[in-house]
Amino acid sequence: MKQTVGFPEFQDAFQRLRPQNFSLQGLGVLWDYLEQYEDDCGVEVELDVIAICCDFSEDGWENIAQSYDIDLSECETDEDKVEVVQEYLEEQGAFVGEVEGGFVYRDF
């Protein structure tokens, strides 16, 4: 048995079960990504908040750079650093979207 949910139900499910995992902006980016994935692949995504939180993260670019040992030594500005982190996530096939101060990405 499946139930179709909209963004408000999606948001409510995360707020009930994992309110600290994603910002509201991050949930919007993740929702858009999952909707596009369903359209592109023809596969319905189950709303399993715990599983989604195991597969995706939202974090600041500085934390991502540190966690994945991204070399930012050649960067002169924070804008350059953000760009390098985004490019790294894209190269890994993990980039989902940008949020204020960071990114939503697929864990790898």
PDB file of N, CA and C in Angstrom:
ATOM      1  N   MET A   1       0.847  -1.172   0.000  1.00  0.00           N
ATOM      2  CA  MET A   1       0.000   0.000   0.000  1.00  0.00           C
ATOM      3  C   MET A   1       0.898   1.242   0.000  1.00  0.00           C
ATOM      4  N   LYS A   2       0.645   2.141  -0.924  1.00  0.00           N
ATOM      5  CA  LYS A   2       1.437   3.362  -1.025  1.00  0.00           C
ATOM      6  C   LYS A   2       0.539   4.573  -0.875  1.00  0.00           C
ATOM      7  N   GLN A   3       1.141   5.627  -0.392  1.00  0.00           N
ATOM      8  CA  GLN A   3       0.441   6.892  -0.248  1.00  0.00           C
ATOM      9  C   GLN A   3       1.295   7.975  -0.885  1.00  0.00           C
ATOM     10  N   THR A   4       0.719   8.776  -1.737  1.00  0.00           N
ATOM     11  CA  THR A   4       1.428   9.881  -2.352  1.00  0.00           C
ATOM     12  C   THR A   4       1.432  11.054  -1.377  1.00  0.00           C
ATOM     13  N   VAL A   5       2.606  11.660  -1.216  1.00  0.00           N
ATOM     14  CA  VAL A   5       2.717  12.795  -0.308  1.00  0.00           C
ATOM     15  C   VAL A   5       3.221  14.008  -1.078  1.00  0.00           C
ATOM     16  N   GLY A   6       2.851  15.154  -0.588  1.00  0.00           N
ATOM     17  CA  GLY A   6       3.354  16.415  -1.115  1.00  0.00           C
ATOM     18  C   GLY A   6       4.463  16.931  -0.214  1.00  0.00           C
ATOM     19  N   PHE A   7       4.997  18.088  -0.563  1.00  0.00           N
ATOM     20  CA  PHE A   7       6.085  18.651   0.225  1.00  0.00           C
ATOM     21  C   PHE A   7       5.702  18.884   1.689  1.00  0.00           C
ATOM     22  N   PRO A   8       4.494  19.380   1.996  1.00  0.00           N
ATOM     23  CA  PRO A   8       4.164  19.590   3.417  1.00  0.00           C
ATOM     24  C   PRO A   8       4.236  18.300   4.249  1.00  0.00           C
ATOM     25  N   GLU A   9       3.757  17.200   3.696  1.00  0.00           N
ATOM     26  CA  GLU A   9       3.813  15.919   4.416  1.00  0.00           C
ATOM     27  C   GLU A   9       5.262  15.429   4.535  1.00  0.00           C
ATOM     28  N   PHE A  10       6.034  15.637   3.477  1.00  0.00           N
ATOM     29  CA  PHE A  10       7.456  15.298   3.470  1.00  0.00           C
ATOM     30  C   PHE A  10       8.171  16.065   4.585  1.00  0.00           C
ATOM     31  N   GLN A  11       7.948  17.352   4.628  1.00  0.00           N
ATOM     32  CA  GLN A  11       8.554  18.214   5.641  1.00  0.00           C
ATOM     33  C   GLN A  11       8.122  17.786   7.041  1.00  0.00           C
ATOM     34  N   ASP A  12       6.843  17.535   7.240  1.00  0.00           N
ATOM     35  CA  ASP A  12       6.329  17.122   8.548  1.00  0.00           C
ATOM     36  C   ASP A  12       6.961  15.822   9.019  1.00  0.00           C
ATOM     37  N   ALA A  13       7.139  14.872   8.121  1.00  0.00           N
ATOM     38  CA  ALA A  13       7.739  13.591   8.480  1.00  0.00           C
ATOM     39  C   ALA A  13       9.164  13.798   9.006  1.00  0.00           C
ATOM     40  N   PHE A  14       9.939  14.668   8.363  1.00  0.00           N
ATOM     41  CA  PHE A  14      11.299  14.941   8.830  1.00  0.00           C
ATOM     42  C   PHE A  14      11.288  15.707  10.141  1.00  0.00           C
ATOM     43  N   GLN A  15      10.369  16.630  10.286  1.00  0.00           N
ATOM     44  CA  GLN A  15      10.297  17.410  11.524  1.00  0.00           C
ATOM     45  C   GLN A  15       9.932  16.527  12.714  1.00  0.00           C
ATOM     46  N   ARG A  16       9.119  15.500  12.479  1.00  0.00           N
ATOM     47  CA  ARG A  16       8.739  14.575  13.553  1.00  0.00           C
ATOM     48  C   ARG A  16       9.874  13.619  13.916  1.00  0.00           C
ATOM     49  N   LEU A  17      10.543  13.066  12.909  1.00  0.00           N
ATOM     50  CA  LEU A  17      11.504  11.997  13.152  1.00  0.00           C
ATOM     51  C   LEU A  17      12.959  12.447  13.236  1.00  0.00           C
ATOM     52  N   ARG A  18      13.353  13.375  12.417  1.00  0.00           N
ATOM     53  CA  ARG A  18      14.753  13.829  12.362  1.00  0.00           C
ATOM     54  C   ARG A  18      14.812  15.344  12.131  1.00  0.00           C
ATOM     55  N   PRO A  19      14.371  16.134  13.104  1.00  0.00           N
ATOM     56  CA  PRO A  19      14.276  17.581  12.878  1.00  0.00           C
ATOM     57  C   PRO A  19      15.616  18.286  12.695  1.00  0.00           C
ATOM     58  N   GLN A  20      16.715  17.655  13.093  1.00  0.00           N
ATOM     59  CA  GLN A  20      18.019  18.309  13.000  1.00  0.00           C
ATOM     60  C   GLN A  20      18.806  17.964  11.744  1.00  0.00           C
ATOM     61  N   ASN A  21      18.308  17.033  10.927  1.00  0.00           N
ATOM     62  CA  ASN A  21      19.100  16.573   9.791  1.00  0.00           C
ATOM     63  C   ASN A  21      19.161  17.553   8.623  1.00  0.00           C
ATOM     64  N   PHE A  22      18.076  18.255   8.363  1.00  0.00           N
ATOM     65  CA  PHE A  22      18.029  19.156   7.213  1.00  0.00           C
ATOM     66  C   PHE A  22      17.319  20.448   7.597  1.00  0.00           C
ATOM     67  N   SER A  23      17.810  21.542   7.051  1.00  0.00           N
ATOM     68  CA  SER A  23      17.106  22.821   7.189  1.00  0.00           C
ATOM     69  C   SER A  23      15.872  22.785   6.295  1.00  0.00           C
ATOM     70  N   LEU A  24      15.002  23.751   6.456  1.00  0.00           N
ATOM     71  CA  LEU A  24      13.838  23.834   5.566  1.00  0.00           C
ATOM     72  C   LEU A  24      14.295  24.002   4.127  1.00  0.00           C
ATOM     73  N   GLN A  25      15.305  24.813   3.906  1.00  0.00           N
ATOM     74  CA  GLN A  25      15.851  24.991   2.561  1.00  0.00           C
ATOM     75  C   GLN A  25      16.436  23.672   2.054  1.00  0.00           C
ATOM     76  N   GLY A  26      17.135  22.956   2.913  1.00  0.00           N
ATOM     77  CA  GLY A  26      17.705  21.666   2.543  1.00  0.00           C
ATOM     78  C   GLY A  26      16.638  20.646   2.194  1.00  0.00           C
ATOM     79  N   LEU A  27      15.542  20.642   2.944  1.00  0.00           N
ATOM     80  CA  LEU A  27      14.434  19.728   2.626  1.00  0.00           C
ATOM     81  C   LEU A  27      13.841  20.056   1.263  1.00  0.00           C
ATOM     82  N   GLY A  28      13.745  21.342   0.944  1.00  0.00           N
ATOM     83  CA  GLY A  28      13.233  21.738  -0.369  1.00  0.00           C
ATOM     84  C   GLY A  28      14.138  21.250  -1.496  1.00  0.00           C
ATOM     85  N   VAL A  29      15.443  21.373  -1.300  1.00  0.00           N
ATOM     86  CA  VAL A  29      16.409  20.907  -2.299  1.00  0.00           C
ATOM     87  C   VAL A  29      16.312  19.395  -2.444  1.00  0.00           C
ATOM     88  N   LEU A  30      16.221  18.695  -1.315  1.00  0.00           N
ATOM     89  CA  LEU A  30      16.128  17.238  -1.336  1.00  0.00           C
ATOM     90  C   LEU A  30      14.822  16.783  -1.979  1.00  0.00           C
ATOM     91  N   TRP A  31      13.725  17.445  -1.679  1.00  0.00           N
ATOM     92  CA  TRP A  31      12.432  17.132  -2.288  1.00  0.00           C
ATOM     93  C   TRP A  31      12.504  17.262  -3.809  1.00  0.00           C
ATOM     94  N   ASP A  32      13.052  18.374  -4.273  1.00  0.00           N
ATOM     95  CA  ASP A  32      13.170  18.591  -5.718  1.00  0.00           C
ATOM     96  C   ASP A  32      14.034  17.505  -6.363  1.00  0.00           C
ATOM     97  N   TYR A  33      15.119  17.143  -5.702  1.00  0.00           N
ATOM     98  CA  TYR A  33      16.017  16.106  -6.223  1.00  0.00           C
ATOM     99  C   TYR A  33      15.288  14.762  -6.329  1.00  0.00           C
ATOM    100  N   LEU A  34      14.591  14.384  -5.273  1.00  0.00           N
ATOM    101  CA  LEU A  34      13.889  13.097  -5.265  1.00  0.00           C
ATOM    102  C   LEU A  34      12.744  13.074  -6.279  1.00  0.00           C
ATOM    103  N   GLU A  35      12.055  14.180  -6.423  1.00  0.00           N
ATOM    104  CA  GLU A  35      10.996  14.282  -7.433  1.00  0.00           C
ATOM    105  C   GLU A  35      11.574  14.115  -8.835  1.00  0.00           C
ATOM    106  N   GLN A  36      12.699  14.772  -9.099  1.00  0.00           N
ATOM    107  CA  GLN A  36      13.349  14.666 -10.408  1.00  0.00           C
ATOM    108  C   GLN A  36      13.847  13.249 -10.643  1.00  0.00           C
ATOM    109  N   TYR A  37      14.379  12.629  -9.607  1.00  0.00           N
ATOM    110  CA  TYR A  37      14.842  11.238  -9.700  1.00  0.00           C
ATOM    111  C   TYR A  37      13.685  10.321 -10.094  1.00  0.00           C
ATOM    112  N   GLU A  38      12.546  10.498  -9.444  1.00  0.00           N
ATOM    113  CA  GLU A  38      11.376   9.683  -9.781  1.00  0.00           C
ATOM    114  C   GLU A  38      10.970   9.882 -11.239  1.00  0.00           C
ATOM    115  N   ASP A  39      10.947  11.124 -11.683  1.00  0.00           N
ATOM    116  CA  ASP A  39      10.572  11.420 -13.068  1.00  0.00           C
ATOM    117  C   ASP A  39      11.573  10.832 -14.062  1.00  0.00           C
ATOM    118  N   ASP A  40      12.858  10.972 -13.759  1.00  0.00           N
ATOM    119  CA  ASP A  40      13.898  10.508 -14.673  1.00  0.00           C
ATOM    120  C   ASP A  40      13.972   8.986 -14.758  1.00  0.00           C
ATOM    121  N   CYS A  41      13.785   8.321 -13.625  1.00  0.00           N
ATOM    122  CA  CYS A  41      13.983   6.865 -13.560  1.00  0.00           C
ATOM    123  C   CYS A  41      12.686   6.068 -13.605  1.00  0.00           C
ATOM    124  N   GLY A  42      11.564   6.743 -13.394  1.00  0.00           N
ATOM    125  CA  GLY A  42      10.294   6.029 -13.357  1.00  0.00           C
ATOM    126  C   GLY A  42      10.144   5.126 -12.150  1.00  0.00           C
ATOM    127  N   VAL A  43      10.879   5.440 -11.090  1.00  0.00           N
ATOM    128  CA  VAL A  43      10.853   4.653  -9.861  1.00  0.00           C
ATOM    129  C   VAL A  43      10.296   5.523  -8.742  1.00  0.00           C
ATOM    130  N   GLU A  44       9.309   5.009  -8.020  1.00  0.00           N
ATOM    131  CA  GLU A  44       8.768   5.752  -6.888  1.00  0.00           C
ATOM    132  C   GLU A  44       9.704   5.611  -5.692  1.00  0.00           C
ATOM    133  N   VAL A  45       9.934   6.719  -5.007  1.00  0.00           N
ATOM    134  CA  VAL A  45      10.769   6.728  -3.817  1.00  0.00           C
ATOM    135  C   VAL A  45       9.866   6.588  -2.601  1.00  0.00           C
ATOM    136  N   GLU A  46      10.222   5.662  -1.729  1.00  0.00           N
ATOM    137  CA  GLU A  46       9.464   5.469  -0.499  1.00  0.00           C
ATOM    138  C   GLU A  46       9.878   6.542   0.502  1.00  0.00           C
ATOM    139  N   LEU A  47       8.908   7.098   1.198  1.00  0.00           N
ATOM    140  CA  LEU A  47       9.206   8.092   2.224  1.00  0.00           C
ATOM    141  C   LEU A  47       9.618   7.351   3.499  1.00  0.00           C
ATOM    142  N   ASP A  48      10.893   7.050   3.570  1.00  0.00           N
ATOM    143  CA  ASP A  48      11.498   6.413   4.731  1.00  0.00           C
ATOM    144  C   ASP A  48      12.532   7.402   5.256  1.00  0.00           C
ATOM    145  N   VAL A  49      12.117   8.204   6.226  1.00  0.00           N
ATOM    146  CA  VAL A  49      12.948   9.300   6.712  1.00  0.00           C
ATOM    147  C   VAL A  49      14.307   8.804   7.188  1.00  0.00           C
ATOM    148  N   ILE A  50      14.334   7.706   7.922  1.00  0.00           N
ATOM    149  CA  ILE A  50      15.593   7.190   8.447  1.00  0.00           C
ATOM    150  C   ILE A  50      16.519   6.789   7.303  1.00  0.00           C
ATOM    151  N   ALA A  51      15.995   6.078   6.319  1.00  0.00           N
ATOM    152  CA  ALA A  51      16.818   5.653   5.179  1.00  0.00           C
ATOM    153  C   ALA A  51      17.323   6.856   4.392  1.00  0.00           C
ATOM    154  N   ILE A  52      16.474   7.843   4.185  1.00  0.00           N
ATOM    155  CA  ILE A  52      16.893   9.048   3.453  1.00  0.00           C
ATOM    156  C   ILE A  52      17.999   9.764   4.225  1.00  0.00           C
ATOM    157  N   CYS A  53      17.869   9.817   5.551  1.00  0.00           N
ATOM    158  CA  CYS A  53      18.899  10.466   6.371  1.00  0.00           C
ATOM    159  C   CYS A  53      20.207   9.676   6.371  1.00  0.00           C
ATOM    160  N   CYS A  54      20.142   8.383   6.115  1.00  0.00           N
ATOM    161  CA  CYS A  54      21.366   7.580   5.996  1.00  0.00           C
ATOM    162  C   CYS A  54      22.032   7.788   4.638  1.00  0.00           C
ATOM    163  N   ASP A  55      21.239   8.132   3.634  1.00  0.00           N
ATOM    164  CA  ASP A  55      21.753   8.279   2.270  1.00  0.00           C
ATOM    165  C   ASP A  55      22.150   9.704   1.905  1.00  0.00           C
ATOM    166  N   PHE A  56      21.580  10.696   2.569  1.00  0.00           N
ATOM    167  CA  PHE A  56      21.807  12.093   2.215  1.00  0.00           C
ATOM    168  C   PHE A  56      22.169  12.907   3.449  1.00  0.00           C
ATOM    169  N   SER A  57      22.931  13.978   3.233  1.00  0.00           N
ATOM    170  CA  SER A  57      23.319  14.880   4.319  1.00  0.00           C
ATOM    171  C   SER A  57      23.248  16.316   3.837  1.00  0.00           C
ATOM    172  N   GLU A  58      23.192  17.199   4.800  1.00  0.00           N
ATOM    173  CA  GLU A  58      23.328  18.627   4.550  1.00  0.00           C
ATOM    174  C   GLU A  58      24.412  19.126   5.483  1.00  0.00           C
ATOM    175  N   ASP A  59      25.358  19.852   4.932  1.00  0.00           N
ATOM    176  CA  ASP A  59      26.443  20.353   5.776  1.00  0.00           C
ATOM    177  C   ASP A  59      27.058  21.580   5.121  1.00  0.00           C
ATOM    178  N   GLY A  60      27.803  22.325   5.910  1.00  0.00           N
ATOM    179  CA  GLY A  60      28.522  23.488   5.415  1.00  0.00           C
ATOM    180  C   GLY A  60      29.716  23.072   4.575  1.00  0.00           C
ATOM    181  N   TRP A  61      30.100  23.922   3.666  1.00  0.00           N
ATOM    182  CA  TRP A  61      31.198  23.590   2.759  1.00  0.00           C
ATOM    183  C   TRP A  61      32.494  23.330   3.509  1.00  0.00           C
ATOM    184  N   GLU A  62      32.722  24.040   4.607  1.00  0.00           N
ATOM    185  CA  GLU A  62      33.955  23.846   5.375  1.00  0.00           C
ATOM    186  C   GLU A  62      34.011  22.447   5.983  1.00  0.00           C
ATOM    187  N   ASN A  63      32.896  21.993   6.549  1.00  0.00           N
ATOM    188  CA  ASN A  63      32.839  20.655   7.139  1.00  0.00           C
ATOM    189  C   ASN A  63      32.994  19.568   6.082  1.00  0.00           C
ATOM    190  N   ILE A  64      32.384  19.789   4.931  1.00  0.00           N
ATOM    191  CA  ILE A  64      32.506  18.813   3.841  1.00  0.00           C
ATOM    192  C   ILE A  64      33.959  18.723   3.391  1.00  0.00           C
ATOM    193  N   ALA A  65      34.604  19.875   3.229  1.00  0.00           N
ATOM    194  CA  ALA A  65      36.007  19.888   2.808  1.00  0.00           C
ATOM    195  C   ALA A  65      36.879  19.149   3.812  1.00  0.00           C
ATOM    196  N   GLN A  66      36.616  19.354   5.074  1.00  0.00           N
ATOM    197  CA  GLN A  66      37.397  18.685   6.110  1.00  0.00           C
ATOM    198  C   GLN A  66      37.101  17.184   6.135  1.00  0.00           C
ATOM    199  N   SER A  67      35.847  16.811   6.069  1.00  0.00           N
ATOM    200  CA  SER A  67      35.458  15.397   6.139  1.00  0.00           C
ATOM    201  C   SER A  67      36.020  14.577   4.989  1.00  0.00           C
ATOM    202  N   TYR A  68      36.100  15.187   3.802  1.00  0.00           N
ATOM    203  CA  TYR A  68      36.545  14.459   2.616  1.00  0.00           C
ATOM    204  C   TYR A  68      37.957  14.860   2.167  1.00  0.00           C
ATOM    205  N   ASP A  69      38.678  15.556   3.039  1.00  0.00           N
ATOM    206  CA  ASP A  69      40.063  15.957   2.746  1.00  0.00           C
ATOM    207  C   ASP A  69      40.193  16.631   1.382  1.00  0.00           C
ATOM    208  N   ILE A  70      39.335  17.594   1.124  1.00  0.00           N
ATOM    209  CA  ILE A  70      39.378  18.327  -0.128  1.00  0.00           C
ATOM    210  C   ILE A  70      40.446  19.414  -0.008  1.00  0.00           C
ATOM    211  N   ASP A  71      41.361  19.422  -0.933  1.00  0.00           N
ATOM    212  CA  ASP A  71      42.466  20.380  -0.909  1.00  0.00           C
ATOM    213  C   ASP A  71      41.978  21.752  -1.372  1.00  0.00           C
ATOM    214  N   LEU A  72      42.003  22.698  -0.450  1.00  0.00           N
ATOM    215  CA  LEU A  72      41.576  24.062  -0.759  1.00  0.00           C
ATOM    216  C   LEU A  72      42.757  25.032  -0.724  1.00  0.00           C
ATOM    217  N   SER A  73      43.968  24.501  -0.705  1.00  0.00           N
ATOM    218  CA  SER A  73      45.161  25.336  -0.539  1.00  0.00           C
ATOM    219  C   SER A  73      45.384  26.310  -1.703  1.00  0.00           C
ATOM    220  N   GLU A  74      44.891  25.980  -2.870  1.00  0.00           N
ATOM    221  CA  GLU A  74      45.069  26.857  -4.033  1.00  0.00           C
ATOM    222  C   GLU A  74      44.001  27.947  -4.112  1.00  0.00           C
ATOM    223  N   CYS A  75      43.011  27.887  -3.233  1.00  0.00           N
ATOM    224  CA  CYS A  75      41.892  28.834  -3.271  1.00  0.00           C
ATOM    225  C   CYS A  75      42.255  30.121  -2.551  1.00  0.00           C
ATOM    226  N   GLU A  76      41.905  31.234  -3.177  1.00  0.00           N
ATOM    227  CA  GLU A  76      42.210  32.533  -2.591  1.00  0.00           C
ATOM    228  C   GLU A  76      41.052  33.105  -1.788  1.00  0.00           C
ATOM    229  N   THR A  77      39.822  32.774  -2.177  1.00  0.00           N
ATOM    230  CA  THR A  77      38.661  33.338  -1.501  1.00  0.00           C
ATOM    231  C   THR A  77      37.721  32.219  -1.070  1.00  0.00           C
ATOM    232  N   ASP A  78      36.783  32.568  -0.186  1.00  0.00           N
ATOM    233  CA  ASP A  78      35.770  31.593   0.235  1.00  0.00           C
ATOM    234  C   ASP A  78      34.917  31.159  -0.957  1.00  0.00           C
ATOM    235  N   GLU A  79      34.667  32.082  -1.875  1.00  0.00           N
ATOM    236  CA  GLU A  79      33.888  31.728  -3.076  1.00  0.00           C
ATOM    237  C   GLU A  79      34.599  30.641  -3.879  1.00  0.00           C
ATOM    238  N   ASP A  80      35.915  30.764  -3.989  1.00  0.00           N
ATOM    239  CA  ASP A  80      36.703  29.738  -4.680  1.00  0.00           C
ATOM    240  C   ASP A  80      36.587  28.399  -3.958  1.00  0.00           C
ATOM    241  N   LYS A  81      36.637  28.441  -2.642  1.00  0.00           N
ATOM    242  CA  LYS A  81      36.545  27.219  -1.836  1.00  0.00           C
ATOM    243  C   LYS A  81      35.193  26.538  -2.013  1.00  0.00           C
ATOM    244  N   VAL A  82      34.134  27.336  -1.987  1.00  0.00           N
ATOM    245  CA  VAL A  82      32.787  26.792  -2.192  1.00  0.00           C
ATOM    246  C   VAL A  82      32.707  26.122  -3.559  1.00  0.00           C
ATOM    247  N   GLU A  83      33.258  26.764  -4.566  1.00  0.00           N
ATOM    248  CA  GLU A  83      33.241  26.217  -5.923  1.00  0.00           C
ATOM    249  C   GLU A  83      34.002  24.893  -5.999  1.00  0.00           C
ATOM    250  N   VAL A  84      35.143  24.809  -5.344  1.00  0.00           N
ATOM    251  CA  VAL A  84      35.936  23.577  -5.355  1.00  0.00           C
ATOM    252  C   VAL A  84      35.177  22.447  -4.653  1.00  0.00           C
ATOM    253  N   VAL A  85      34.541  22.752  -3.534  1.00  0.00           N
ATOM    254  CA  VAL A  85      33.769  21.728  -2.816  1.00  0.00           C
ATOM    255  C   VAL A  85      32.606  21.256  -3.680  1.00  0.00           C
ATOM    256  N   GLN A  86      31.895  22.184  -4.318  1.00  0.00           N
ATOM    257  CA  GLN A  86      30.791  21.786  -5.191  1.00  0.00           C
ATOM    258  C   GLN A  86      31.290  20.920  -6.338  1.00  0.00           C
ATOM    259  N   GLU A  87      32.378  21.316  -6.963  1.00  0.00           N
ATOM    260  CA  GLU A  87      32.941  20.517  -8.060  1.00  0.00           C
ATOM    261  C   GLU A  87      33.332  19.125  -7.587  1.00  0.00           C
ATOM    262  N   TYR A  88      33.881  19.029  -6.395  1.00  0.00           N
ATOM    263  CA  TYR A  88      34.253  17.729  -5.834  1.00  0.00           C
ATOM    264  C   TYR A  88      33.012  16.845  -5.668  1.00  0.00           C
ATOM    265  N   LEU A  89      31.953  17.411  -5.093  1.00  0.00           N
ATOM    266  CA  LEU A  89      30.715  16.641  -4.915  1.00  0.00           C
ATOM    267  C   LEU A  89      30.143  16.209  -6.263  1.00  0.00           C
ATOM    268  N   GLU A  90      30.186  17.099  -7.243  1.00  0.00           N
ATOM    269  CA  GLU A  90      29.693  16.766  -8.580  1.00  0.00           C
ATOM    270  C   GLU A  90      30.515  15.637  -9.200  1.00  0.00           C
ATOM    271  N   GLU A  91      31.835  15.699  -9.057  1.00  0.00           N
ATOM    272  CA  GLU A  91      32.699  14.651  -9.601  1.00  0.00           C
ATOM    273  C   GLU A  91      32.423  13.297  -8.960  1.00  0.00           C
ATOM    274  N   GLN A  92      32.032  13.301  -7.694  1.00  0.00           N
ATOM    275  CA  GLN A  92      31.728  12.063  -6.982  1.00  0.00           C
ATOM    276  C   GLN A  92      30.310  11.569  -7.277  1.00  0.00           C
ATOM    277  N   GLY A  93      29.543  12.362  -8.023  1.00  0.00           N
ATOM    278  CA  GLY A  93      28.147  12.013  -8.292  1.00  0.00           C
ATOM    279  C   GLY A  93      27.270  12.160  -7.064  1.00  0.00           C
ATOM    280  N   ALA A  94      27.702  13.012  -6.141  1.00  0.00           N
ATOM    281  CA  ALA A  94      27.014  13.142  -4.861  1.00  0.00           C
ATOM    282  C   ALA A  94      26.253  14.454  -4.701  1.00  0.00           C
ATOM    283  N   PHE A  95      26.472  15.401  -5.588  1.00  0.00           N
ATOM    284  CA  PHE A  95      25.860  16.728  -5.457  1.00  0.00           C
ATOM    285  C   PHE A  95      24.358  16.651  -5.650  1.00  0.00           C
ATOM    286  N   VAL A  96      23.615  17.174  -4.683  1.00  0.00           N
ATOM    287  CA  VAL A  96      22.155  17.251  -4.784  1.00  0.00           C
ATOM    288  C   VAL A  96      21.739  18.691  -5.011  1.00  0.00           C
ATOM    289  N   GLY A  97      22.273  19.602  -4.212  1.00  0.00           N
ATOM    290  CA  GLY A  97      21.930  20.999  -4.379  1.00  0.00           C
ATOM    291  C   GLY A  97      22.632  21.875  -3.364  1.00  0.00           C
ATOM    292  N   GLU A  98      22.596  23.168  -3.627  1.00  0.00           N
ATOM    293  CA  GLU A  98      23.249  24.142  -2.758  1.00  0.00           C
ATOM    294  C   GLU A  98      22.223  24.774  -1.835  1.00  0.00           C
ATOM    295  N   VAL A  99      22.628  24.974  -0.600  1.00  0.00           N
ATOM    296  CA  VAL A  99      21.836  25.709   0.380  1.00  0.00           C
ATOM    297  C   VAL A  99      22.719  26.812   0.936  1.00  0.00           C
ATOM    298  N   GLU A 100      22.133  27.712   1.678  1.00  0.00           N
ATOM    299  CA  GLU A 100      22.908  28.817   2.229  1.00  0.00           C
ATOM    300  C   GLU A 100      24.043  28.274   3.104  1.00  0.00           C
ATOM    301  N   GLY A 101      25.266  28.532   2.702  1.00  0.00           N
ATOM    302  CA  GLY A 101      26.428  28.125   3.476  1.00  0.00           C
ATOM    303  C   GLY A 101      26.888  26.698   3.264  1.00  0.00           C
ATOM    304  N   GLY A 102      26.215  25.942   2.388  1.00  0.00           N
ATOM    305  CA  GLY A 102      26.637  24.565   2.209  1.00  0.00           C
ATOM    306  C   GLY A 102      25.891  23.836   1.113  1.00  0.00           C
ATOM    307  N   PHE A 103      25.797  22.537   1.297  1.00  0.00           N
ATOM    308  CA  PHE A 103      25.242  21.680   0.265  1.00  0.00           C
ATOM    309  C   PHE A 103      24.429  20.541   0.862  1.00  0.00           C
ATOM    310  N   VAL A 104      23.495  20.056   0.074  1.00  0.00           N
ATOM    311  CA  VAL A 104      22.853  18.766   0.315  1.00  0.00           C
ATOM    312  C   VAL A 104      23.536  17.813  -0.650  1.00  0.00           C
ATOM    313  N   TYR A 105      23.922  16.642  -0.142  1.00  0.00           N
ATOM    314  CA  TYR A 105      24.662  15.704  -0.985  1.00  0.00           C
ATOM    315  C   TYR A 105      24.360  14.275  -0.576  1.00  0.00           C
ATOM    316  N   ARG A 106      24.613  13.368  -1.519  1.00  0.00           N
ATOM    317  CA  ARG A 106      24.482  11.944  -1.245  1.00  0.00           C
ATOM    318  C   ARG A 106      25.749  11.491  -0.540  1.00  0.00           C
ATOM    319  N   ASP A 107      25.571  10.813   0.582  1.00  0.00           N
ATOM    320  CA  ASP A 107      26.737  10.319   1.337  1.00  0.00           C
ATOM    321  C   ASP A 107      27.501   9.297   0.515  1.00  0.00           C
ATOM    322  N   PHE A 108      28.803   9.336   0.628  1.00  0.00           N
ATOM    323  CA  PHE A 108      29.652   8.376  -0.083  1.00  0.00           C
ATOM    324  C   PHE A 108      30.847   8.037   0.770  1.00  0.00           C
TER     325      PHE A 108
END
